[in-house]
């Protein structure tokens, strides 16, 4: 009987609750260079990559080509977000990680967020709520 109750609890678990406090602080510093890059990614180069992503979509580029570039960018973002790499899931889109509708106002980027011209930071939908 206990086994059935346990299976019911596990099966109905759903999404775990968000912690009340942020338990991870991303470094917003890349430690490694990407092939073909002169230096590790910075907030400004991340912002440039996100702008290219948005432009490629607007230009109607092949979605498969965009996905390949996004997959490479996601690996760079994982490095940039250390030690909070667990926030970046392998299926997340750039639109889920970053508020790209506000990219024209941005002057830099941080782990799953954009730094706006007024100095404020806005975050993507998938960054934990307690860490925004």
Protein backbone atom coordinates (compact mmCIF):
# COMPACT_ATOMS: atom_id res chain seq x y z
CA UNK A 1 0.00 0.00 0.00
CA UNK A 2 2.83 2.40 0.84
CA UNK A 3 4.45 1.67 -2.52
CA UNK A 4 1.26 2.70 -4.33
CA UNK A 5 1.02 5.93 -2.34
CA UNK A 6 4.67 6.68 -3.08
CA UNK A 7 4.17 6.04 -6.80
CA UNK A 8 1.15 8.35 -6.79
CA UNK A 9 3.19 11.13 -5.15
CA UNK A 10 6.07 10.72 -7.60
CA UNK A 11 3.73 10.58 -10.59
CA UNK A 12 1.87 13.72 -9.55
CA UNK A 13 4.99 15.63 -8.59
CA UNK A 14 4.75 18.21 -11.35
CA UNK A 15 7.16 21.11 -11.51
CA UNK A 16 9.19 21.68 -8.33
CA UNK A 17 8.54 24.86 -6.39
CA UNK A 18 10.82 27.84 -6.97
CA UNK A 19 13.11 28.61 -4.02
CA UNK A 20 12.30 31.76 -2.05
CA UNK A 21 15.89 33.02 -2.30
CA UNK A 22 18.39 32.87 -5.13
CA UNK A 23 20.93 30.17 -4.40
CA UNK A 24 23.26 30.86 -7.33
CA UNK A 25 25.02 33.98 -8.59
CA UNK A 26 26.20 33.74 -12.22
CA UNK A 27 29.68 35.00 -12.98
CA UNK A 28 28.70 36.69 -16.27
CA UNK A 29 32.25 35.93 -17.42
CA UNK A 30 33.27 33.38 -20.00
CA UNK A 31 36.35 31.37 -19.15
CA UNK A 32 37.00 29.81 -22.53
CA UNK A 33 37.26 31.11 -26.06
CA UNK A 34 35.07 29.77 -28.80
CA UNK A 35 36.75 28.48 -31.93
CA UNK A 36 37.37 31.43 -34.22
CA UNK A 37 36.93 34.04 -31.48
CA UNK A 38 39.79 36.28 -30.36
CA UNK A 39 38.66 36.47 -26.74
CA UNK A 40 36.15 34.88 -24.36
CA UNK A 41 32.56 36.13 -24.61
CA UNK A 42 31.69 39.38 -22.84
CA UNK A 43 28.32 40.96 -22.14
CA UNK A 44 28.74 43.11 -25.23
CA UNK A 45 29.65 40.19 -27.52
CA UNK A 46 26.73 38.17 -26.13
CA UNK A 47 24.42 41.07 -26.94
CA UNK A 48 25.85 41.20 -30.48
CA UNK A 49 25.19 37.47 -30.92
CA UNK A 50 21.61 37.89 -29.68
CA UNK A 51 21.08 40.76 -32.14
CA UNK A 52 22.41 38.55 -34.97
CA UNK A 53 19.98 35.83 -33.90
CA UNK A 54 17.04 38.21 -34.02
CA UNK A 55 18.20 39.62 -37.38
CA UNK A 56 18.60 36.14 -38.89
CA UNK A 57 15.00 35.34 -37.97
CA UNK A 58 13.75 38.66 -39.39
CA UNK A 59 15.62 37.98 -42.63
CA UNK A 60 13.96 34.58 -42.93
CA UNK A 61 17.17 32.58 -42.82
CA UNK A 62 16.94 28.80 -42.82
CA UNK A 63 15.61 27.74 -39.39
CA UNK A 64 18.02 24.80 -39.33
CA UNK A 65 20.99 27.16 -39.78
CA UNK A 66 19.65 29.40 -37.01
CA UNK A 67 19.30 26.38 -34.70
CA UNK A 68 22.91 25.31 -35.32
CA UNK A 69 24.19 28.79 -34.44
CA UNK A 70 21.85 28.93 -31.42
CA UNK A 71 23.13 25.56 -30.17
CA UNK A 72 26.70 26.87 -30.31
CA UNK A 73 25.65 30.08 -28.59
CA UNK A 74 23.88 28.08 -25.87
CA UNK A 75 27.18 26.36 -25.00
CA UNK A 76 28.83 29.78 -24.71
CA UNK A 77 25.97 30.98 -22.49
CA UNK A 78 26.43 27.94 -20.23
CA UNK A 79 30.07 28.95 -19.77
CA UNK A 80 29.07 32.60 -19.26
CA UNK A 81 26.49 31.68 -16.59
CA UNK A 82 28.81 29.54 -14.46
CA UNK A 83 28.30 28.35 -11.77
CA UNK A 84 24.59 28.57 -12.64
CA UNK A 85 24.78 26.49 -15.81
CA UNK A 86 21.83 24.40 -14.60
CA UNK A 87 19.56 27.31 -15.50
CA UNK A 88 20.28 26.77 -19.20
CA UNK A 89 18.43 23.75 -20.54
CA UNK A 90 19.53 22.18 -23.81
CA UNK A 91 16.13 22.84 -25.41
CA UNK A 92 15.70 26.49 -24.42
CA UNK A 93 15.37 29.04 -27.15
CA UNK A 94 17.06 32.42 -27.12
CA UNK A 95 13.59 33.96 -26.83
CA UNK A 96 12.97 32.00 -23.61
CA UNK A 97 16.31 32.93 -22.08
CA UNK A 98 16.40 36.60 -23.04
CA UNK A 99 13.69 39.30 -23.39
CA UNK A 100 14.52 39.88 -27.07
CA UNK A 101 11.55 42.20 -27.53
CA UNK A 102 13.62 44.79 -25.60
CA UNK A 103 16.96 44.14 -27.33
CA UNK A 104 16.96 47.51 -29.09
CA UNK A 105 17.15 49.20 -25.66
CA UNK A 106 20.04 47.01 -24.43
CA UNK A 107 23.67 48.04 -24.07
CA UNK A 108 24.98 44.70 -22.71
CA UNK A 109 23.84 41.24 -21.64
CA UNK A 110 24.16 39.12 -18.51
CA UNK A 111 23.24 35.50 -17.80
CA UNK A 112 19.70 35.24 -19.18
CA UNK A 113 19.15 39.00 -19.11
CA UNK A 114 19.71 42.32 -20.85
CA UNK A 115 21.21 45.46 -19.34
CA UNK A 116 19.23 48.42 -20.66
CA UNK A 117 20.51 51.89 -21.47
CA UNK A 118 19.20 53.25 -18.15
CA UNK A 119 21.28 50.67 -16.23
CA UNK A 120 18.36 48.45 -15.25
CA UNK A 121 18.46 44.73 -16.01
CA UNK A 122 15.55 42.70 -17.34
CA UNK A 123 15.56 38.92 -17.42
CA UNK A 124 14.19 36.17 -19.61
CA UNK A 125 11.23 34.04 -18.61
CA UNK A 126 13.37 31.02 -17.74
CA UNK A 127 15.72 32.67 -15.24
CA UNK A 128 14.54 31.61 -11.74
CA UNK A 129 12.18 34.21 -10.28
CA UNK A 130 14.17 34.51 -7.06
CA UNK A 131 17.25 35.45 -9.12
CA UNK A 132 15.77 38.30 -11.13
